N, C-alpha and C. Protein backbone atom coordinates (compact mmCIF):
# COMPACT_ATOMS: atom_id res chain seq x y z
N UNK A 1 112.70 155.64 113.35
CA UNK A 1 112.90 154.29 112.80
C UNK A 1 111.83 154.05 111.71
N UNK A 2 112.22 153.33 110.70
CA UNK A 2 111.32 152.98 109.59
C UNK A 2 110.29 151.93 110.08
N UNK A 3 109.01 152.35 110.13
CA UNK A 3 107.97 151.46 110.65
C UNK A 3 107.82 150.23 109.79
N UNK A 4 108.02 150.31 108.48
CA UNK A 4 107.90 149.15 107.58
C UNK A 4 108.95 148.12 107.92
N UNK A 5 110.22 148.57 108.12
CA UNK A 5 111.27 147.63 108.45
C UNK A 5 111.02 146.98 109.80
N UNK A 6 110.56 147.75 110.80
CA UNK A 6 110.29 147.24 112.14
C UNK A 6 109.19 146.18 112.05
N UNK A 7 108.15 146.47 111.31
CA UNK A 7 107.02 145.50 111.22
C UNK A 7 107.45 144.22 110.53
N UNK A 8 108.20 144.35 109.41
CA UNK A 8 108.64 143.15 108.69
C UNK A 8 109.49 142.26 109.57
N UNK A 9 110.29 142.82 110.46
CA UNK A 9 111.14 142.02 111.31
C UNK A 9 110.42 141.43 112.53
N UNK A 10 109.29 142.06 112.92
CA UNK A 10 108.63 141.61 114.13
C UNK A 10 107.23 141.03 113.94
N UNK A 11 106.71 141.15 112.73
CA UNK A 11 105.34 140.63 112.48
C UNK A 11 105.42 139.37 111.66
N UNK A 12 105.18 138.20 112.32
CA UNK A 12 105.33 136.89 111.62
C UNK A 12 104.47 136.78 110.38
N UNK A 13 103.27 137.35 110.37
CA UNK A 13 102.39 137.17 109.18
C UNK A 13 102.96 137.90 107.98
N UNK A 14 103.52 139.09 108.19
CA UNK A 14 104.14 139.79 107.09
C UNK A 14 105.41 139.10 106.65
N UNK A 15 106.17 138.59 107.60
CA UNK A 15 107.41 137.91 107.27
C UNK A 15 107.16 136.67 106.44
N UNK A 16 106.05 135.95 106.71
CA UNK A 16 105.73 134.78 105.94
C UNK A 16 105.62 135.10 104.44
N UNK A 17 105.06 136.26 104.12
CA UNK A 17 104.85 136.63 102.75
C UNK A 17 106.15 136.89 102.01
N UNK A 18 107.21 137.23 102.71
CA UNK A 18 108.47 137.50 102.05
C UNK A 18 109.40 136.32 102.04
N UNK A 19 109.21 135.35 102.91
CA UNK A 19 110.05 134.16 102.95
C UNK A 19 109.64 133.20 101.82
N UNK A 20 110.54 132.31 101.48
CA UNK A 20 110.25 131.32 100.42
C UNK A 20 109.18 130.36 100.94
N UNK A 21 108.13 130.19 100.19
CA UNK A 21 107.08 129.22 100.54
C UNK A 21 107.37 127.93 99.83
N UNK A 22 107.24 126.84 100.51
CA UNK A 22 107.45 125.53 99.87
C UNK A 22 106.39 125.33 98.78
N UNK A 23 106.83 124.82 97.63
CA UNK A 23 105.94 124.55 96.52
C UNK A 23 105.60 123.08 96.47
N UNK A 24 104.33 122.79 96.38
CA UNK A 24 103.79 121.45 96.29
C UNK A 24 103.14 121.25 94.92
N UNK A 25 103.56 120.23 94.22
CA UNK A 25 102.93 119.84 92.96
C UNK A 25 101.89 118.78 93.22
N UNK A 26 100.65 119.02 92.81
CA UNK A 26 99.55 118.04 92.98
C UNK A 26 99.30 117.44 91.60
N UNK A 27 99.48 116.10 91.47
CA UNK A 27 99.22 115.41 90.21
C UNK A 27 98.07 114.45 90.50
N UNK A 28 96.91 114.84 90.04
CA UNK A 28 95.63 114.09 90.39
C UNK A 28 94.63 114.40 89.29
N UNK A 29 94.08 113.31 88.70
CA UNK A 29 93.10 113.49 87.61
C UNK A 29 91.73 113.86 88.14
N UNK A 30 91.36 113.54 89.33
CA UNK A 30 90.05 113.88 89.87
C UNK A 30 90.08 115.31 90.39
N UNK A 31 89.30 116.16 89.68
CA UNK A 31 89.34 117.60 90.00
C UNK A 31 88.93 117.87 91.45
N UNK A 32 87.96 117.18 92.00
CA UNK A 32 87.51 117.47 93.34
C UNK A 32 88.64 117.20 94.38
N UNK A 33 89.35 116.15 94.16
CA UNK A 33 90.45 115.82 95.06
C UNK A 33 91.59 116.81 94.90
N UNK A 34 91.90 117.14 93.66
CA UNK A 34 92.97 118.11 93.38
C UNK A 34 92.65 119.47 94.02
N UNK A 35 91.42 119.93 93.84
CA UNK A 35 91.01 121.21 94.41
C UNK A 35 91.02 121.19 95.92
N UNK A 36 90.54 120.06 96.50
CA UNK A 36 90.51 119.93 97.97
C UNK A 36 91.93 120.07 98.50
N UNK A 37 92.89 119.36 97.91
CA UNK A 37 94.29 119.46 98.36
C UNK A 37 94.83 120.88 98.15
N UNK A 38 94.58 121.45 96.99
CA UNK A 38 95.11 122.79 96.68
C UNK A 38 94.54 123.86 97.66
N UNK A 39 93.26 123.82 97.93
CA UNK A 39 92.67 124.80 98.82
C UNK A 39 93.25 124.68 100.22
N UNK A 40 93.36 123.43 100.70
CA UNK A 40 93.89 123.24 102.06
C UNK A 40 95.35 123.61 102.18
N UNK A 41 96.16 123.28 101.18
CA UNK A 41 97.55 123.63 101.24
C UNK A 41 97.79 125.14 101.10
N UNK A 42 97.06 125.75 100.19
CA UNK A 42 97.19 127.22 99.99
C UNK A 42 96.79 127.96 101.21
N UNK A 43 95.75 127.47 101.90
CA UNK A 43 95.29 128.12 103.14
C UNK A 43 96.33 128.09 104.24
N UNK A 44 97.25 127.17 104.15
CA UNK A 44 98.31 127.02 105.12
C UNK A 44 99.65 127.61 104.67
N UNK A 45 99.60 128.32 103.56
CA UNK A 45 100.76 129.05 103.12
C UNK A 45 101.68 128.39 102.13
N UNK A 46 101.29 127.23 101.63
CA UNK A 46 102.10 126.55 100.63
C UNK A 46 101.74 127.08 99.26
N UNK A 47 102.72 127.17 98.40
CA UNK A 47 102.48 127.49 96.98
C UNK A 47 102.11 126.17 96.33
N UNK A 48 101.10 126.18 95.47
CA UNK A 48 100.59 124.96 94.87
C UNK A 48 100.61 125.09 93.31
N UNK A 49 101.07 124.06 92.66
CA UNK A 49 100.92 123.94 91.22
C UNK A 49 100.18 122.61 90.97
N UNK A 50 99.38 122.59 89.92
CA UNK A 50 98.52 121.43 89.70
C UNK A 50 98.67 120.88 88.29
N UNK A 51 98.57 119.54 88.22
CA UNK A 51 98.50 118.84 86.91
C UNK A 51 97.37 117.84 87.00
N UNK A 52 96.60 117.70 85.93
CA UNK A 52 95.50 116.72 85.93
C UNK A 52 95.88 115.43 85.27
N UNK A 53 97.15 115.25 84.92
CA UNK A 53 97.60 114.01 84.37
C UNK A 53 99.11 113.85 84.63
N UNK A 54 99.59 112.63 84.56
CA UNK A 54 100.98 112.35 84.90
C UNK A 54 101.98 112.95 83.91
N UNK A 55 101.64 113.01 82.66
CA UNK A 55 102.57 113.57 81.64
C UNK A 55 102.82 115.07 81.96
N UNK A 56 101.74 115.80 82.15
CA UNK A 56 101.92 117.21 82.53
C UNK A 56 102.62 117.35 83.85
N UNK A 57 102.28 116.45 84.80
CA UNK A 57 102.91 116.49 86.09
C UNK A 57 104.41 116.27 86.03
N UNK A 58 104.85 115.36 85.15
CA UNK A 58 106.30 115.14 84.98
C UNK A 58 106.95 116.35 84.37
N UNK A 59 106.31 116.96 83.41
CA UNK A 59 106.86 118.20 82.83
C UNK A 59 106.97 119.30 83.88
N UNK A 60 105.97 119.49 84.69
CA UNK A 60 105.99 120.49 85.74
C UNK A 60 107.03 120.17 86.80
N UNK A 61 107.17 118.92 87.10
CA UNK A 61 108.20 118.50 88.07
C UNK A 61 109.58 118.89 87.58
N UNK A 62 109.86 118.64 86.32
CA UNK A 62 111.18 119.00 85.74
C UNK A 62 111.36 120.53 85.61
N UNK A 63 110.29 121.22 85.23
CA UNK A 63 110.39 122.66 84.97
C UNK A 63 110.41 123.49 86.28
N UNK A 64 109.59 123.09 87.23
CA UNK A 64 109.39 123.93 88.42
C UNK A 64 110.13 123.47 89.66
N UNK A 65 110.58 122.19 89.67
CA UNK A 65 111.33 121.65 90.83
C UNK A 65 110.70 121.95 92.17
N UNK A 66 109.46 121.46 92.36
CA UNK A 66 108.75 121.72 93.63
C UNK A 66 109.50 120.99 94.78
N UNK A 67 109.23 121.39 96.01
CA UNK A 67 109.80 120.70 97.18
C UNK A 67 109.11 119.38 97.49
N UNK A 68 107.89 119.18 96.96
CA UNK A 68 107.14 117.98 97.29
C UNK A 68 106.11 117.72 96.17
N UNK A 69 105.80 116.43 95.97
CA UNK A 69 104.80 116.05 94.98
C UNK A 69 103.73 115.24 95.70
N UNK A 70 102.43 115.54 95.47
CA UNK A 70 101.32 114.71 95.84
C UNK A 70 100.93 114.00 94.57
N UNK A 71 100.92 112.68 94.57
CA UNK A 71 100.76 111.91 93.35
C UNK A 71 99.70 110.85 93.46
N UNK A 72 98.68 110.97 92.59
CA UNK A 72 97.67 109.92 92.40
C UNK A 72 98.33 108.80 91.57
N UNK A 73 98.05 107.55 91.90
CA UNK A 73 98.68 106.44 91.19
C UNK A 73 97.86 105.99 89.98
N UNK A 74 96.56 106.01 90.11
CA UNK A 74 95.71 105.52 88.98
C UNK A 74 95.15 106.69 88.18
N UNK A 75 95.71 106.88 86.97
CA UNK A 75 95.25 107.90 86.06
C UNK A 75 95.26 107.29 84.67
N UNK A 76 94.40 107.80 83.80
CA UNK A 76 94.42 107.28 82.41
C UNK A 76 95.68 107.70 81.71
N UNK A 77 96.10 106.86 80.75
CA UNK A 77 97.37 107.14 80.03
C UNK A 77 98.54 106.87 80.93
N UNK A 78 99.49 107.80 80.95
CA UNK A 78 100.65 107.69 81.84
C UNK A 78 100.09 107.79 83.29
N UNK A 79 100.44 106.82 84.12
CA UNK A 79 99.92 106.84 85.51
C UNK A 79 101.03 107.19 86.48
N UNK A 80 100.67 107.18 87.76
CA UNK A 80 101.64 107.51 88.80
C UNK A 80 102.83 106.59 88.84
N UNK A 81 102.65 105.33 88.52
CA UNK A 81 103.78 104.41 88.47
C UNK A 81 104.77 104.83 87.41
N UNK A 82 104.26 105.20 86.24
CA UNK A 82 105.11 105.63 85.16
C UNK A 82 105.85 106.91 85.56
N UNK A 83 105.20 107.84 86.23
CA UNK A 83 105.84 109.05 86.63
C UNK A 83 106.97 108.74 87.62
N UNK A 84 106.72 107.88 88.56
CA UNK A 84 107.74 107.50 89.56
C UNK A 84 108.95 106.87 88.86
N UNK A 85 108.73 106.04 87.87
CA UNK A 85 109.83 105.40 87.13
C UNK A 85 110.64 106.44 86.38
N UNK A 86 109.97 107.41 85.70
CA UNK A 86 110.70 108.48 85.00
C UNK A 86 111.43 109.38 85.97
N UNK A 87 110.83 109.68 87.09
CA UNK A 87 111.45 110.52 88.10
C UNK A 87 112.74 109.85 88.63
N UNK A 88 112.71 108.57 88.85
CA UNK A 88 113.87 107.85 89.37
C UNK A 88 115.05 107.88 88.40
N UNK A 89 114.76 108.00 87.09
CA UNK A 89 115.81 108.00 86.10
C UNK A 89 116.41 109.38 85.83
N UNK A 90 115.79 110.42 86.39
CA UNK A 90 116.23 111.80 86.16
C UNK A 90 116.91 112.34 87.43
N UNK A 91 118.21 112.49 87.42
CA UNK A 91 118.94 112.92 88.64
C UNK A 91 118.53 114.29 89.13
N UNK A 92 117.98 115.12 88.28
CA UNK A 92 117.55 116.46 88.71
C UNK A 92 116.29 116.43 89.55
N UNK A 93 115.51 115.39 89.45
CA UNK A 93 114.28 115.34 90.23
C UNK A 93 114.14 114.09 91.08
N UNK A 94 115.10 113.19 90.97
CA UNK A 94 114.99 111.90 91.67
C UNK A 94 114.82 112.01 93.17
N UNK A 95 115.41 113.03 93.75
CA UNK A 95 115.36 113.19 95.24
C UNK A 95 114.17 113.97 95.75
N UNK A 96 113.29 114.48 94.91
CA UNK A 96 112.14 115.23 95.38
C UNK A 96 111.18 114.22 95.99
N UNK A 97 110.78 114.47 97.26
CA UNK A 97 109.90 113.52 97.95
C UNK A 97 108.48 113.54 97.34
N UNK A 98 107.83 112.33 97.46
CA UNK A 98 106.51 112.08 96.90
C UNK A 98 105.62 111.51 98.00
N UNK A 99 104.42 112.09 98.12
CA UNK A 99 103.37 111.50 98.92
C UNK A 99 102.34 110.98 97.94
N UNK A 100 102.10 109.67 98.04
CA UNK A 100 101.16 108.99 97.13
C UNK A 100 99.77 109.08 97.64
N UNK A 101 98.83 109.35 96.74
CA UNK A 101 97.40 109.32 97.03
C UNK A 101 96.80 108.16 96.29
N UNK A 102 96.14 107.25 97.03
CA UNK A 102 95.59 106.06 96.38
C UNK A 102 94.36 105.52 97.07
N UNK A 103 93.50 104.92 96.30
CA UNK A 103 92.32 104.26 96.86
C UNK A 103 92.62 102.75 96.97
N UNK A 104 93.72 102.31 96.42
CA UNK A 104 94.04 100.89 96.39
C UNK A 104 95.03 100.50 97.45
N UNK A 105 94.66 99.57 98.33
CA UNK A 105 95.56 99.15 99.37
C UNK A 105 96.75 98.37 98.78
N UNK A 106 96.56 97.58 97.77
CA UNK A 106 97.63 96.84 97.17
C UNK A 106 98.65 97.74 96.49
N UNK A 107 98.19 98.81 95.86
CA UNK A 107 99.12 99.78 95.23
C UNK A 107 99.99 100.42 96.29
N UNK A 108 99.43 100.70 97.43
CA UNK A 108 100.22 101.33 98.49
C UNK A 108 101.43 100.50 98.94
N UNK A 109 101.20 99.21 99.10
CA UNK A 109 102.31 98.31 99.49
C UNK A 109 103.37 98.29 98.44
N UNK A 110 102.99 98.14 97.19
CA UNK A 110 103.94 98.09 96.06
C UNK A 110 104.74 99.38 95.93
N UNK A 111 104.08 100.50 96.13
CA UNK A 111 104.73 101.76 95.98
C UNK A 111 105.80 101.99 97.04
N UNK A 112 105.43 101.73 98.28
CA UNK A 112 106.37 101.98 99.41
C UNK A 112 107.61 101.06 99.27
N UNK A 113 107.45 99.87 98.79
CA UNK A 113 108.53 98.92 98.71
C UNK A 113 109.44 99.16 97.50
N UNK A 114 108.85 99.61 96.38
CA UNK A 114 109.59 99.63 95.10
C UNK A 114 110.17 100.96 94.69
N UNK A 115 109.59 102.05 95.12
CA UNK A 115 109.94 103.38 94.55
C UNK A 115 110.67 104.27 95.54
N UNK A 116 111.85 104.67 95.16
CA UNK A 116 112.65 105.60 95.94
C UNK A 116 111.95 106.97 95.96
N UNK A 117 111.99 107.62 97.08
CA UNK A 117 111.46 108.97 97.16
C UNK A 117 110.02 109.02 97.63
N UNK A 118 109.33 107.87 97.70
CA UNK A 118 107.99 107.85 98.26
C UNK A 118 108.12 107.86 99.77
N UNK A 119 107.63 108.97 100.39
CA UNK A 119 107.79 109.14 101.80
C UNK A 119 106.51 108.79 102.61
N UNK A 120 105.40 108.76 101.94
CA UNK A 120 104.15 108.45 102.63
C UNK A 120 103.09 108.03 101.59
N UNK A 121 102.13 107.27 102.05
CA UNK A 121 100.98 106.88 101.24
C UNK A 121 99.73 107.28 102.02
N UNK A 122 98.85 108.07 101.38
CA UNK A 122 97.62 108.47 101.96
C UNK A 122 96.47 107.75 101.22
N UNK A 123 95.59 107.14 101.94
CA UNK A 123 94.49 106.41 101.36
C UNK A 123 93.28 107.29 101.20
N UNK A 124 92.73 107.31 99.99
CA UNK A 124 91.53 108.08 99.74
C UNK A 124 90.34 107.38 100.39
N UNK A 125 89.38 108.13 100.86
CA UNK A 125 89.34 109.59 100.96
C UNK A 125 90.28 110.06 102.07
N UNK A 126 90.93 111.22 101.82
CA UNK A 126 91.82 111.78 102.83
C UNK A 126 91.15 112.99 103.54
N UNK A 127 91.54 113.20 104.74
CA UNK A 127 91.04 114.34 105.49
C UNK A 127 92.02 115.50 105.37
N UNK A 128 91.55 116.70 105.60
CA UNK A 128 92.44 117.87 105.54
C UNK A 128 93.56 117.72 106.56
N UNK A 129 93.26 117.28 107.78
CA UNK A 129 94.27 117.17 108.80
C UNK A 129 95.34 116.12 108.44
N UNK A 130 94.88 115.03 107.86
CA UNK A 130 95.82 113.96 107.41
C UNK A 130 96.78 114.52 106.30
N UNK A 131 96.21 115.25 105.37
CA UNK A 131 96.97 115.81 104.28
C UNK A 131 98.02 116.81 104.80
N UNK A 132 97.55 117.74 105.64
CA UNK A 132 98.44 118.80 106.16
C UNK A 132 99.54 118.20 107.01
N UNK A 133 99.20 117.23 107.82
CA UNK A 133 100.23 116.59 108.69
C UNK A 133 101.28 115.87 107.83
N UNK A 134 100.88 115.16 106.82
CA UNK A 134 101.82 114.49 105.97
C UNK A 134 102.75 115.47 105.27
N UNK A 135 102.18 116.54 104.71
CA UNK A 135 102.96 117.52 104.00
C UNK A 135 103.91 118.22 104.93
N UNK A 136 103.40 118.71 106.05
CA UNK A 136 104.22 119.44 107.04
C UNK A 136 105.39 118.53 107.56
N UNK A 137 105.09 117.30 107.88
CA UNK A 137 106.10 116.40 108.37
C UNK A 137 107.18 116.14 107.31
N UNK A 138 106.75 115.91 106.10
CA UNK A 138 107.71 115.66 105.01
C UNK A 138 108.61 116.88 104.78
N UNK A 139 108.01 118.03 104.70
CA UNK A 139 108.81 119.26 104.43
C UNK A 139 109.69 119.67 105.61
N UNK A 140 109.31 119.29 106.83
CA UNK A 140 110.09 119.62 108.00
C UNK A 140 111.34 118.74 108.05
N UNK A 141 111.26 117.54 107.48
CA UNK A 141 112.40 116.64 107.59
C UNK A 141 113.24 116.64 106.32
N UNK A 142 112.74 117.31 105.29
CA UNK A 142 113.48 117.37 103.98
C UNK A 142 114.61 118.36 104.07
């Protein structure tokens, strides 16, 4: 018997590397928060793409079609609200779920009530366990 084929079918760690990994787009202007999220998600097997502003984030969203977006709401120039509005108008990306990252309690209420596709709001500062639980829950139900 081919040992490589046997191991791929019975070794979950090797199987993980060949299966499709969910891709998460992180749109966050604060490098420390973006890196924190990327490191924690990558360590758990998610593929991560990053944008440090909403305009680039919207372009990546359209080009890469990730399974999930982590979105900061307050950024200079085009912000998270603008990205959510553009996303809602584009049928190719409108249904991609979004987890909002915000330091503002008022923004959280407005986002959950007004924008389709927002599945959760995480308040900064976020913990690794809070981030991973929100991502895993969202992707499990998507």
